Amino acid sequence: MKRLILLLCLLLPALPQHAQGINESELRKFFVAAQNIYGLYVDTVNAHKLVEDAIRGMLEHLDPHSNYSDAQETKKLNEPLQGSFDGIGVQFNMLEDTVLVIQPITKGPSERVGILAGDRIISCNDTTLAGVKMSRDEIMRHLRGPRGSIAHLGIRREGIKELLYFDVQRDKIPVNSVDAAFMITPKIGLIRFNNFAQTTHREILEALVNLKMQGMESLIIDLTQNGGGYLGAAAEIASEFLPEGDMIVYTEGRSAAPREFRSRGGHAFQEGRVAVLVDEYSASAAEILSGALQDQDRGIVVGRRTFGKGLVQWPIDLPDGSMIRLTVSRYYTPSGRCIQKPYEKGKQKEYHMDVINRYNNGELTNADSIHFPDSLKYKTLRKGRIVYGGGGVMPDIFVPLDTTRYTKTYRQLSAKSLIINHNLRYLDKNRKTLQQRYPDFETFRKNFEVPQSLIDGIYTEADKQKIERPKEEREATDERLRQTLKALIARDLWDMNEYFAIVYEDDPIVTMAVKKLSEPDLP
């Protein structure tokens, strides 16, 4: 023990400059406590867990976004932001304890060896995957692996009695940020993306080029449900819409040096009208982009007040692959608004209840329930329009949450996976017929109607599971089921563009954005 404390004392001068203020006695206290717990406690103590719990405990009493992740959690968190992983390259879902291939990734390793949509993966190498009630994470662990390694797959294919075997050489599989990019009207394009990753800027550029070739004059950027990602990605994307030198965001902190991010003046979309869609789950980098375009009067923001995550985390890699993400500064929009909503240190539960509190207070359904003091007033930089600080980005055009859109019955059917499971069964039986009858999406969109038998099958299973279906909800539930099922079938026959093209047909925020972009004057 004495040797440990002596060693710590010798190491103190080597601490980073920003850690020099740590009192030597405080470090001694921490390590003496840890060593005695490990050495003297009545039961066996896991030293690794003891250290992890101590780190988590320290971070819990700071802000809501400083956090610790172990090596496995860190890998899982970083994967979507890095833009790729190593695997076999299929989109799959579970149908009755069986891995059902929805689509092989275009030009991916599975497509190259001949695996088709509708195939069932029965085994991978020496492990049976079908009928064993394996979790999705476990299945992914078997299908993924180092690039160049071989996955020996046993495949069951409709119409073929014997099991088929394919050797798939795992390769780099892209993780796309862009969910959809299509023309929602003859002159208005729409891009929806789910995060801000290393590849997002490139994906957005490709989407913009493609949409302009189709005649796009105005653009909708859908950031609803977008939880953010890399600050750099947000700055790169904002630069495609803002003149060179325009402020995008700046950061300030106690020890971290202030930083400014200004537009480099990209050329992808400097002229056309822009509407940015946000909701209460748009956060972090999504708020940087929407706040910059709003403050610079480059576009209108439509929807509901964003989440309010304006704290900057600095990643600190630890030797075992784990990571601390430590808050070091705050984000500010070009007009000077702090994006971060108020919080009390250590009160994590209350912080994460904020969205529920907003709903209970009527903020999500009624703009009159939102009150801002005059001290939070700011002005946009070109037109001098009033915008508000206090956390998150308040839209220019408020669109209330439609509480009747999804009935209680529908939410229960969705939560129990009845909708997705019946969709998979229907598509599994009818894929070839549908492909022959609807050779392209527009034909499908115009002529396909969800069969009543599919709806009835969902309700039959709902009755077995004793899901209540009040009479007053049935018409609204039927309507939403038909739209969702049609969208899911379109997704599985084509891709996400087609899914969102159907989902957006009556989406209130999208409808409002299309309306405003079609008017002669924007706010």
Protein backbone atom coordinates (compact mmCIF):
# COMPACT_ATOMS: atom_id res chain seq x y z
CA MET A 1 0.00 0.00 0.00
CA LYS A 2 2.78 2.43 0.94
CA ARG A 3 4.52 1.66 -2.32
CA LEU A 4 1.31 2.44 -4.26
CA ILE A 5 0.91 5.84 -2.56
CA LEU A 6 4.61 6.63 -3.07
CA LEU A 7 4.24 5.77 -6.75
CA LEU A 8 1.19 8.06 -7.05
CA CYS A 9 3.08 10.91 -5.46
CA LEU A 10 5.92 10.44 -7.93
CA LEU A 11 3.45 10.46 -10.82
CA LEU A 12 1.62 13.63 -9.76
CA PRO A 13 4.02 16.02 -11.54
CA ALA A 14 3.37 14.11 -14.77
CA LEU A 15 -0.37 14.90 -14.74
CA PRO A 16 -1.67 16.88 -17.73
CA GLN A 17 -1.63 20.64 -17.29
CA HIS A 18 -5.43 20.83 -16.94
CA ALA A 19 -5.27 18.27 -14.09
CA GLN A 20 -2.56 20.00 -12.04
CA GLY A 21 -5.14 21.46 -9.66
CA ILE A 22 -5.97 18.03 -8.20
CA ASN A 23 -4.99 17.90 -4.55
CA GLU A 24 -2.45 15.17 -3.73
CA SER A 25 -4.38 14.15 -0.60
CA GLU A 26 -7.55 13.66 -2.66
CA LEU A 27 -5.76 11.21 -4.95
CA ARG A 28 -4.33 9.38 -1.94
CA LYS A 29 -7.81 9.16 -0.41
CA PHE A 30 -9.26 7.66 -3.59
CA PHE A 31 -6.57 5.01 -4.04
CA VAL A 32 -6.37 4.09 -0.36
CA ALA A 33 -10.13 3.51 -0.38
CA ALA A 34 -9.96 1.41 -3.57
CA GLN A 35 -7.06 -0.72 -2.32
CA ASN A 36 -8.69 -1.38 1.05
CA ILE A 37 -12.04 -2.29 -0.49
CA TYR A 38 -10.28 -4.69 -2.84
CA GLY A 39 -8.01 -6.16 -0.18
CA LEU A 40 -10.21 -6.29 2.95
CA TYR A 41 -13.87 -6.52 1.88
CA VAL A 42 -15.67 -9.61 3.22
CA ASP A 43 -16.52 -10.96 -0.25
CA THR A 44 -14.47 -11.17 -3.44
CA VAL A 45 -14.34 -7.86 -5.29
CA ASN A 46 -13.99 -7.48 -9.06
CA ALA A 47 -11.25 -4.85 -9.35
CA HIS A 48 -12.16 -4.01 -12.95
CA LYS A 49 -15.79 -3.38 -12.02
CA LEU A 50 -14.72 -1.41 -8.94
CA VAL A 51 -12.78 1.03 -11.11
CA GLU A 52 -15.56 1.27 -13.71
CA ASP A 53 -18.16 1.97 -11.02
CA ALA A 54 -15.95 4.67 -9.55
CA ILE A 55 -15.59 6.38 -12.94
CA ARG A 56 -19.32 6.16 -13.61
CA GLY A 57 -20.01 7.51 -10.13
CA MET A 58 -17.82 10.57 -10.68
CA LEU A 59 -19.46 11.35 -14.03
CA GLU A 60 -23.00 10.88 -12.73
CA HIS A 61 -22.64 13.97 -10.57
CA LEU A 62 -21.54 16.21 -13.44
CA ASP A 63 -23.74 17.14 -16.41
CA PRO A 64 -26.21 14.77 -18.14
CA HIS A 65 -23.96 14.11 -21.15
CA SER A 66 -20.56 13.30 -19.61
CA ASN A 67 -20.42 9.50 -19.66
CA TYR A 68 -18.28 6.38 -19.58
CA SER A 69 -18.53 3.40 -21.96
CA ASP A 70 -16.67 0.12 -21.69
CA ALA A 71 -14.76 -1.27 -24.68
CA GLN A 72 -17.73 -3.12 -26.15
CA GLU A 73 -20.08 -0.17 -25.67
CA THR A 74 -17.52 2.19 -27.19
CA LYS A 75 -17.23 0.06 -30.33
CA LYS A 76 -21.01 -0.08 -30.69
CA LEU A 77 -21.35 3.70 -30.18
CA ASN A 78 -18.61 4.58 -32.68
CA GLU A 79 -19.70 2.24 -35.45
CA PRO A 80 -22.59 4.35 -36.84
CA LEU A 81 -20.40 7.47 -36.78
CA GLN A 82 -17.43 5.85 -38.49
CA GLY A 83 -19.59 5.03 -41.49
CA SER A 84 -18.81 1.33 -41.87
CA PHE A 85 -18.34 -2.06 -40.24
CA ASP A 86 -17.05 -5.46 -41.37
CA GLY A 87 -19.74 -8.02 -42.18
CA ILE A 88 -21.63 -10.02 -44.81
CA GLY A 89 -23.78 -7.14 -46.09
CA VAL A 90 -27.47 -7.94 -45.64
CA GLN A 91 -30.47 -6.14 -44.20
CA PHE A 92 -32.33 -8.70 -42.16
CA ASN A 93 -35.23 -9.09 -39.79
CA MET A 94 -36.43 -11.88 -37.51
CA LEU A 95 -39.42 -13.94 -38.62
CA GLU A 96 -40.44 -16.61 -36.13
CA ASP A 97 -36.91 -17.16 -34.78
CA THR A 98 -35.43 -17.20 -38.27
CA VAL A 99 -33.11 -14.66 -39.91
CA LEU A 100 -34.97 -13.40 -43.00
CA VAL A 101 -32.95 -11.45 -45.57
CA ILE A 102 -34.86 -8.28 -46.46
CA GLN A 103 -32.30 -7.04 -48.98
CA PRO A 104 -28.64 -7.82 -49.67
CA ILE A 105 -26.55 -4.63 -49.71
CA THR A 106 -26.01 -3.51 -53.31
CA LYS A 107 -22.59 -4.68 -54.54
CA GLY A 108 -21.94 -6.16 -51.09
CA PRO A 109 -20.34 -9.56 -50.36
CA SER A 110 -23.66 -11.42 -49.98
CA GLU A 111 -25.09 -10.08 -53.24
CA ARG A 112 -21.86 -11.02 -55.02
CA VAL A 113 -22.23 -14.71 -54.13
CA GLY A 114 -25.95 -14.82 -55.02
CA ILE A 115 -27.87 -14.42 -51.76
CA LEU A 116 -31.36 -13.06 -52.48
CA ALA A 117 -34.09 -11.11 -50.70
CA GLY A 118 -36.37 -13.64 -48.99
CA ASP A 119 -33.57 -16.11 -48.20
CA ARG A 120 -33.45 -17.49 -44.67
CA ILE A 121 -30.07 -17.79 -42.96
CA ILE A 122 -30.24 -21.10 -41.09
CA SER A 123 -26.63 -21.34 -39.96
CA CYS A 124 -23.33 -19.48 -39.94
CA ASN A 125 -20.17 -21.60 -39.80
CA ASP A 126 -20.84 -24.16 -37.04
CA THR A 127 -23.64 -22.22 -35.32
CA THR A 128 -27.36 -22.77 -35.91
CA LEU A 129 -29.22 -19.45 -36.11
CA ALA A 130 -32.76 -20.65 -36.84
CA GLY A 131 -35.24 -21.72 -34.18
CA VAL A 132 -32.91 -21.14 -31.24
CA LYS A 133 -34.34 -17.85 -29.88
CA MET A 134 -31.05 -16.04 -30.28
CA SER A 135 -30.97 -12.29 -29.64
CA ARG A 136 -30.39 -9.89 -32.51
CA ASP A 137 -27.05 -8.83 -31.00
CA GLU A 138 -25.89 -12.46 -30.83
CA ILE A 139 -26.87 -13.05 -34.45
CA MET A 140 -25.00 -9.95 -35.56
CA ARG A 141 -21.96 -11.12 -33.62
CA HIS A 142 -21.96 -14.35 -35.66
CA LEU A 143 -22.57 -12.67 -39.02
CA ARG A 144 -20.02 -9.91 -38.53
CA GLY A 145 -16.29 -10.49 -38.31
CA PRO A 146 -12.89 -9.30 -39.51
CA ARG A 147 -12.66 -8.20 -43.12
CA GLY A 148 -11.49 -11.07 -45.30
CA SER A 149 -12.77 -13.83 -43.00
CA ILE A 150 -15.29 -16.34 -44.35
CA ALA A 151 -18.88 -16.80 -43.19
CA HIS A 152 -20.10 -20.24 -44.31
CA LEU A 153 -23.87 -19.72 -44.55
CA GLY A 154 -26.60 -22.32 -44.73
CA ILE A 155 -29.52 -20.82 -46.68
CA ARG A 156 -33.12 -21.98 -47.03
CA ARG A 157 -34.69 -20.66 -50.25
CA GLU A 158 -38.33 -20.85 -51.26
CA GLY A 159 -38.95 -23.48 -53.92
CA ILE A 160 -35.72 -25.40 -53.25
CA LYS A 161 -35.91 -28.42 -50.95
CA GLU A 162 -32.27 -28.83 -50.03
CA LEU A 163 -30.25 -26.38 -47.97
CA LEU A 164 -27.98 -24.09 -50.02
CA TYR A 165 -24.50 -23.18 -48.85
CA PHE A 166 -22.61 -19.97 -49.59
CA ASP A 167 -19.13 -18.89 -48.57
CA VAL A 168 -19.30 -15.12 -48.02
CA GLN A 169 -16.04 -13.24 -47.60
CA ARG A 170 -16.73 -10.49 -45.08
CA ASP A 171 -15.95 -7.00 -46.30
CA LYS A 172 -16.34 -3.35 -45.39
CA ILE A 173 -20.06 -2.55 -45.25
CA PRO A 174 -21.11 1.11 -45.42
CA VAL A 175 -23.41 2.53 -42.74
CA ASN A 176 -25.36 5.27 -44.48
CA SER A 177 -26.57 8.38 -42.71
CA VAL A 178 -28.99 9.39 -45.45
CA ASP A 179 -32.28 7.51 -45.05
CA ALA A 180 -33.98 9.06 -48.04
CA ALA A 181 -33.41 11.61 -50.82
CA PHE A 182 -36.18 12.10 -53.38
CA MET A 183 -38.39 14.68 -55.08
CA ILE A 184 -41.47 15.19 -52.95
CA THR A 185 -42.97 17.56 -55.57
CA PRO A 186 -41.72 18.33 -59.09
CA LYS A 187 -39.66 21.27 -57.71
CA ILE A 188 -39.06 20.38 -54.05
CA GLY A 189 -36.48 17.82 -53.00
CA LEU A 190 -36.24 16.18 -49.59
CA ILE A 191 -33.25 14.72 -47.78
CA ARG A 192 -33.61 12.88 -44.50
CA PHE A 193 -30.58 11.72 -42.55
CA ASN A 194 -30.33 10.06 -39.15
CA ASN A 195 -26.98 11.27 -37.76
CA PHE A 196 -23.87 13.31 -38.51
CA ALA A 197 -21.12 10.79 -39.25
CA GLN A 198 -17.79 10.81 -41.06
CA THR A 199 -19.48 10.03 -44.38
CA THR A 200 -22.59 12.21 -43.99
CA HIS A 201 -21.23 15.27 -45.82
CA ARG A 202 -20.26 13.17 -48.84
CA GLU A 203 -23.67 11.46 -48.83
CA ILE A 204 -25.46 14.83 -48.69
CA LEU A 205 -23.38 16.16 -51.61
CA GLU A 206 -24.27 13.11 -53.71
CA ALA A 207 -27.96 13.49 -52.83
CA LEU A 208 -27.96 17.21 -53.70
CA VAL A 209 -26.35 16.57 -57.09
CA ASN A 210 -28.89 13.87 -57.87
CA LEU A 211 -31.88 15.98 -56.80
CA LYS A 212 -30.73 19.03 -58.77
CA MET A 213 -30.50 16.82 -61.86
CA GLN A 214 -34.17 16.00 -61.27
CA GLY A 215 -35.15 19.66 -61.24
CA MET A 216 -34.96 20.58 -57.55
CA GLU A 217 -35.37 24.30 -56.84
CA SER A 218 -36.17 24.14 -53.11
CA LEU A 219 -35.04 21.69 -50.42
CA ILE A 220 -36.47 20.15 -47.27
CA ILE A 221 -33.87 18.88 -44.78
CA ASP A 222 -35.55 16.46 -42.39
CA LEU A 223 -33.75 16.39 -39.03
CA THR A 224 -36.65 15.01 -36.99
CA GLN A 225 -35.48 12.23 -34.65
CA ASN A 226 -31.85 13.06 -35.59
CA GLY A 227 -29.76 12.74 -32.43
CA GLY A 228 -26.66 14.44 -33.86
CA GLY A 229 -23.06 13.25 -34.13
CA TYR A 230 -19.86 14.95 -35.20
CA LEU A 231 -19.64 18.74 -34.96
CA GLY A 232 -17.33 18.75 -37.99
CA ALA A 233 -19.96 17.02 -40.12
CA ALA A 234 -22.56 19.66 -39.16
CA ALA A 235 -20.13 22.46 -40.09
CA GLU A 236 -19.29 20.84 -43.45
CA ILE A 237 -22.96 20.44 -44.35
CA ALA A 238 -23.86 23.99 -43.26
CA SER A 239 -21.07 25.29 -45.49
CA GLU A 240 -22.90 24.00 -48.56
CA PHE A 241 -25.75 26.43 -47.84
CA LEU A 242 -23.96 29.48 -46.39
CA PRO A 243 -21.59 32.04 -47.97
CA GLU A 244 -17.91 31.82 -47.10
CA GLY A 245 -17.10 33.31 -43.70
CA ASP A 246 -20.60 33.06 -42.19
CA MET A 247 -20.58 31.89 -38.58
CA ILE A 248 -22.01 28.39 -38.11
CA VAL A 249 -21.39 27.74 -34.41
CA TYR A 250 -18.93 28.65 -31.69
CA THR A 251 -17.95 26.98 -28.42
CA GLU A 252 -16.88 28.28 -25.03
CA GLY A 253 -15.72 26.43 -21.91
CA ARG A 254 -13.80 26.91 -18.66
CA SER A 255 -10.56 25.25 -19.78
CA ALA A 256 -11.14 24.46 -23.44
CA ALA A 257 -10.03 27.18 -25.84
CA PRO A 258 -12.90 29.03 -27.58
CA ARG A 259 -13.50 27.82 -31.12
CA GLU A 260 -15.36 29.28 -34.08
CA PHE A 261 -16.67 27.30 -37.03
CA ARG A 262 -17.32 29.40 -40.13
CA SER A 263 -18.59 28.47 -43.56
CA ARG A 264 -15.98 27.61 -46.14
CA GLY A 265 -18.53 28.54 -48.84
CA GLY A 266 -19.45 25.29 -50.56
CA HIS A 267 -21.34 25.34 -53.85
CA ALA A 268 -23.85 22.52 -53.49
CA PHE A 269 -26.96 24.63 -52.69
CA GLN A 270 -26.32 28.33 -52.16
CA GLU A 271 -29.39 29.77 -53.89
CA GLY A 272 -32.56 27.69 -53.51
CA ARG A 273 -35.06 27.90 -50.66
CA VAL A 274 -34.52 25.66 -47.62
CA ALA A 275 -36.83 24.37 -44.90
CA VAL A 276 -35.39 22.42 -41.96
CA LEU A 277 -37.68 20.01 -40.10
CA VAL A 278 -37.08 19.45 -36.38
CA ASP A 279 -38.84 17.97 -33.37
CA GLU A 280 -38.22 17.34 -29.69
CA TYR A 281 -35.74 14.54 -30.53
CA SER A 282 -33.53 16.62 -32.85
CA ALA A 283 -30.34 17.16 -30.88
CA SER A 284 -26.70 18.24 -30.85
CA ALA A 285 -25.33 18.52 -34.42
CA ALA A 286 -28.92 18.65 -35.73
CA GLU A 287 -29.41 21.76 -33.58
CA ILE A 288 -26.15 23.27 -34.83
CA LEU A 289 -27.25 22.95 -38.45
CA SER A 290 -30.84 24.14 -37.90
CA GLY A 291 -29.69 26.98 -35.60
CA ALA A 292 -27.09 28.20 -38.10
CA LEU A 293 -29.49 28.25 -41.06
CA GLN A 294 -32.13 29.99 -38.93
CA ASP A 295 -29.78 32.62 -37.46
CA GLN A 296 -28.26 33.37 -40.86
CA ASP A 297 -31.77 33.66 -42.40
CA ARG A 298 -30.82 30.98 -44.90
CA GLY A 299 -33.88 28.83 -44.29
CA ILE A 300 -37.00 28.40 -42.19
CA VAL A 301 -37.21 25.91 -39.35
CA VAL A 302 -40.49 23.96 -39.14
CA GLY A 303 -41.75 21.67 -36.37
CA ARG A 304 -41.29 21.75 -32.61
CA ARG A 305 -38.58 22.95 -30.23
CA THR A 306 -35.51 20.75 -30.40
CA PHE A 307 -34.08 18.65 -27.56
CA GLY A 308 -31.54 21.19 -26.27
CA LYS A 309 -28.27 19.22 -26.22
CA GLY A 310 -25.60 21.89 -26.49
CA LEU A 311 -22.73 20.45 -24.44
CA VAL A 312 -19.50 19.50 -26.22
CA GLN A 313 -17.97 16.14 -25.22
CA TRP A 314 -14.24 15.48 -25.52
CA PRO A 315 -13.43 11.78 -26.04
CA ILE A 316 -10.77 10.41 -23.67
CA ASP A 317 -9.55 6.97 -24.78
CA LEU A 318 -8.57 4.61 -21.97
CA PRO A 319 -5.98 1.81 -22.32
CA ASP A 320 -8.50 -1.08 -22.42
CA GLY A 321 -10.55 0.38 -25.30
CA SER A 322 -13.08 2.04 -23.00
CA MET A 323 -13.78 5.75 -23.24
CA ILE A 324 -14.82 8.77 -21.20
CA ARG A 325 -16.79 11.46 -23.03
CA LEU A 326 -16.24 14.52 -20.89
CA THR A 327 -18.13 17.78 -21.37
CA VAL A 328 -15.62 20.59 -21.93
CA SER A 329 -17.64 23.45 -23.46
CA ARG A 330 -21.02 24.67 -24.75
CA TYR A 331 -22.37 25.29 -28.25
CA TYR A 332 -23.70 28.73 -29.27
CA THR A 333 -25.59 29.58 -32.45
CA PRO A 334 -24.40 32.53 -34.61
CA SER A 335 -26.77 34.95 -32.84
CA GLY A 336 -25.34 33.95 -29.46
CA ARG A 337 -28.03 31.52 -28.28
CA CYS A 338 -26.85 28.71 -26.02
CA ILE A 339 -28.28 25.46 -27.39
CA GLN A 340 -28.10 23.60 -24.06
CA LYS A 341 -31.31 23.52 -22.04
CA PRO A 342 -31.07 24.11 -18.26
CA TYR A 343 -30.17 21.17 -15.98
CA GLU A 344 -29.16 20.43 -12.39
CA LYS A 345 -25.97 18.47 -11.88
CA GLY A 346 -26.56 14.90 -10.77
CA LYS A 347 -30.28 14.93 -11.60
CA GLN A 348 -30.15 12.68 -14.64
CA LYS A 349 -33.67 11.29 -14.31
CA GLU A 350 -35.28 14.72 -14.15
CA TYR A 351 -33.26 15.85 -17.17
CA HIS A 352 -34.40 12.95 -19.31
CA MET A 353 -38.01 13.49 -18.24
CA ASP A 354 -37.97 16.88 -19.96
CA VAL A 355 -39.74 15.74 -23.15
CA ILE A 356 -42.49 14.09 -21.11
CA ASN A 357 -42.82 17.26 -19.07
CA ARG A 358 -43.12 19.28 -22.26
CA TYR A 359 -45.96 17.03 -23.37
CA ASN A 360 -47.71 17.27 -20.00
CA ASN A 361 -47.33 21.05 -20.03
CA GLY A 362 -48.92 21.28 -23.48
CA GLU A 363 -45.79 22.57 -25.22
CA LEU A 364 -45.83 19.84 -27.88
CA THR A 365 -49.46 20.45 -28.82
CA ASN A 366 -49.99 24.18 -28.36
CA ALA A 367 -47.61 27.01 -29.23
CA ASP A 368 -49.35 29.27 -26.68
CA SER A 369 -48.03 27.00 -23.90
CA ILE A 370 -44.45 28.01 -24.73
CA HIS A 371 -43.32 31.10 -22.85
CA PHE A 372 -39.96 32.84 -23.23
CA PRO A 373 -38.80 35.79 -21.11
CA ASP A 374 -37.58 38.89 -22.93
CA SER A 375 -34.07 38.17 -21.67
CA LEU A 376 -33.93 35.19 -24.04
CA LYS A 377 -34.73 37.23 -27.15
CA TYR A 378 -32.16 37.26 -29.94
CA LYS A 379 -32.23 38.54 -33.51
CA THR A 380 -31.29 36.75 -36.71
CA LEU A 381 -28.27 38.23 -38.43
CA ARG A 382 -29.70 39.34 -41.79
CA LYS A 383 -33.41 40.06 -41.34
CA GLY A 384 -33.40 40.81 -37.63
CA ARG A 385 -36.21 38.35 -36.90
CA ILE A 386 -36.82 37.48 -33.25
CA VAL A 387 -35.60 34.04 -32.16
CA TYR A 388 -35.35 32.65 -28.65
CA GLY A 389 -32.65 31.06 -26.55
CA GLY A 390 -33.11 29.06 -23.38
CA GLY A 391 -32.28 25.66 -24.78
CA GLY A 392 -32.89 24.02 -28.13
CA VAL A 393 -33.95 25.70 -31.36
CA MET A 394 -37.49 27.08 -31.47
CA PRO A 395 -38.90 26.73 -35.00
CA ASP A 396 -40.11 29.65 -37.09
CA ILE A 397 -43.28 27.71 -37.84
CA PHE A 398 -44.71 25.58 -35.04
CA VAL A 399 -46.43 22.31 -35.98
CA PRO A 400 -48.23 20.67 -33.05
CA LEU A 401 -47.87 17.00 -32.24
CA ASP A 402 -50.90 15.18 -33.65
CA THR A 403 -51.95 13.04 -30.70
CA THR A 404 -54.70 11.36 -32.76
CA ARG A 405 -52.35 10.18 -35.52
CA TYR A 406 -51.36 6.98 -33.71
CA THR A 407 -54.12 5.45 -31.59
CA LYS A 408 -53.46 3.50 -28.42
CA THR A 409 -54.43 0.33 -30.30
CA TYR A 410 -51.92 1.06 -33.07
CA ARG A 411 -49.13 1.73 -30.56
CA GLN A 412 -49.81 -1.59 -28.84
CA LEU A 413 -49.84 -3.48 -32.15
CA SER A 414 -46.52 -1.87 -33.03
CA ALA A 415 -44.95 -2.48 -29.60
CA LYS A 416 -45.88 -6.18 -29.79
CA SER A 417 -44.27 -6.39 -33.28
CA LEU A 418 -47.55 -7.58 -34.82
CA ILE A 419 -47.35 -5.08 -37.70
CA ILE A 420 -43.78 -5.87 -38.74
CA ASN A 421 -44.21 -9.64 -38.31
CA HIS A 422 -47.38 -9.84 -40.41
CA ASN A 423 -45.78 -7.62 -43.03
CA LEU A 424 -42.80 -10.00 -43.25
CA ARG A 425 -45.06 -13.04 -43.59
CA TYR A 426 -47.15 -11.37 -46.28
CA LEU A 427 -44.11 -10.30 -48.27
CA ASP A 428 -42.49 -13.71 -47.86
CA LYS A 429 -45.50 -15.37 -49.52
CA ASN A 430 -46.19 -12.70 -52.14
CA ARG A 431 -42.83 -11.19 -53.11
CA LYS A 432 -42.67 -12.67 -56.64
CA THR A 433 -46.30 -11.84 -57.40
CA LEU A 434 -45.85 -8.26 -56.21
CA GLN A 435 -42.66 -7.79 -58.23
CA GLN A 436 -44.43 -9.02 -61.38
CA ARG A 437 -47.57 -6.94 -60.80
CA TYR A 438 -45.75 -3.74 -59.80
CA PRO A 439 -42.55 -3.43 -61.86
CA ASP A 440 -41.90 0.12 -60.59
CA PHE A 441 -42.71 2.14 -57.49
CA GLU A 442 -45.08 4.64 -59.12
CA THR A 443 -47.29 1.79 -60.36
CA PHE A 444 -47.26 0.31 -56.86
CA ARG A 445 -47.95 3.66 -55.20
CA LYS A 446 -50.92 4.38 -57.45
CA ASN A 447 -52.54 0.95 -57.58
CA PHE A 448 -51.56 -1.19 -54.60
CA GLU A 449 -54.05 -1.53 -51.76
CA VAL A 450 -53.29 -3.41 -48.56
CA PRO A 451 -55.52 -6.51 -48.56
CA GLN A 452 -58.12 -6.72 -45.81
CA SER A 453 -56.90 -10.23 -45.01
CA LEU A 454 -53.58 -8.75 -43.86
CA ILE A 455 -55.36 -6.31 -41.53
CA ASP A 456 -57.64 -9.08 -40.25
CA GLY A 457 -54.64 -11.31 -39.53
CA ILE A 458 -53.12 -8.61 -37.33
CA TYR A 459 -56.37 -8.16 -35.44
CA THR A 460 -56.81 -11.92 -34.97
CA GLU A 461 -53.39 -12.11 -33.35
CA ALA A 462 -54.20 -8.99 -31.30
CA ASP A 463 -57.30 -10.70 -29.92
CA LYS A 464 -55.22 -13.74 -28.94
CA GLN A 465 -52.84 -11.43 -27.06
CA LYS A 466 -55.82 -9.66 -25.46
CA ILE A 467 -55.00 -6.27 -26.92
CA GLU A 468 -58.04 -4.06 -26.45
CA ARG A 469 -59.51 -2.44 -29.57
CA PRO A 470 -62.06 0.22 -28.62
CA LYS A 471 -64.67 0.81 -31.35
CA GLU A 472 -63.99 4.53 -31.47
CA GLU A 473 -60.34 3.87 -32.46
CA ARG A 474 -60.91 1.29 -35.17
CA GLU A 475 -61.30 3.56 -38.18
CA ALA A 476 -58.20 5.63 -37.31
CA THR A 477 -56.22 2.47 -36.52
CA ASP A 478 -57.21 0.88 -39.84
CA GLU A 479 -56.13 3.98 -41.76
CA ARG A 480 -52.72 4.13 -40.06
CA LEU A 481 -52.19 0.36 -40.44
CA ARG A 482 -52.82 0.52 -44.17
CA GLN A 483 -50.35 3.36 -44.66
CA THR A 484 -47.66 1.72 -42.51
CA LEU A 485 -48.02 -1.67 -44.17
CA LYS A 486 -47.93 -0.16 -47.65
CA ALA A 487 -44.79 1.77 -46.71
CA LEU A 488 -43.11 -1.34 -45.24
CA ILE A 489 -43.92 -3.39 -48.33
CA ALA A 490 -42.52 -0.61 -50.54
CA ARG A 491 -39.36 -0.51 -48.42
CA ASP A 492 -38.83 -4.25 -48.74
CA LEU A 493 -39.49 -4.29 -52.49
CA TRP A 494 -37.35 -1.18 -53.17
CA ASP A 495 -35.68 0.90 -50.46
CA MET A 496 -36.08 3.66 -47.86
CA ASN A 497 -36.86 6.38 -50.44
CA GLU A 498 -40.05 4.56 -51.30
CA TYR A 499 -40.88 3.94 -47.64
CA PHE A 500 -40.67 7.63 -46.74
CA ALA A 501 -42.45 8.72 -49.93
CA ILE A 502 -45.54 6.93 -48.57
CA VAL A 503 -45.05 7.81 -44.89
CA TYR A 504 -44.69 11.51 -45.73
CA GLU A 505 -47.93 11.69 -47.71
CA ASP A 506 -49.83 13.03 -44.68
CA ASP A 507 -47.02 13.92 -42.27
CA PRO A 508 -48.01 17.28 -40.68
CA ILE A 509 -44.48 18.76 -40.50
CA VAL A 510 -43.58 17.75 -44.06
CA THR A 511 -46.94 19.00 -45.36
CA MET A 512 -46.37 22.38 -43.71
CA ALA A 513 -42.85 22.67 -45.14
CA VAL A 514 -44.08 21.88 -48.66
CA LYS A 515 -46.81 24.49 -48.26
CA LYS A 516 -44.40 27.22 -47.07
CA LEU A 517 -41.80 26.49 -49.76
CA SER A 518 -44.55 26.76 -52.37
CA GLU A 519 -45.61 30.23 -51.21
CA PRO A 520 -44.14 33.38 -52.82
CA ASP A 521 -42.62 34.75 -49.61
CA LEU A 522 -40.90 32.93 -46.78
CA PRO A 523 -40.88 34.27 -43.18
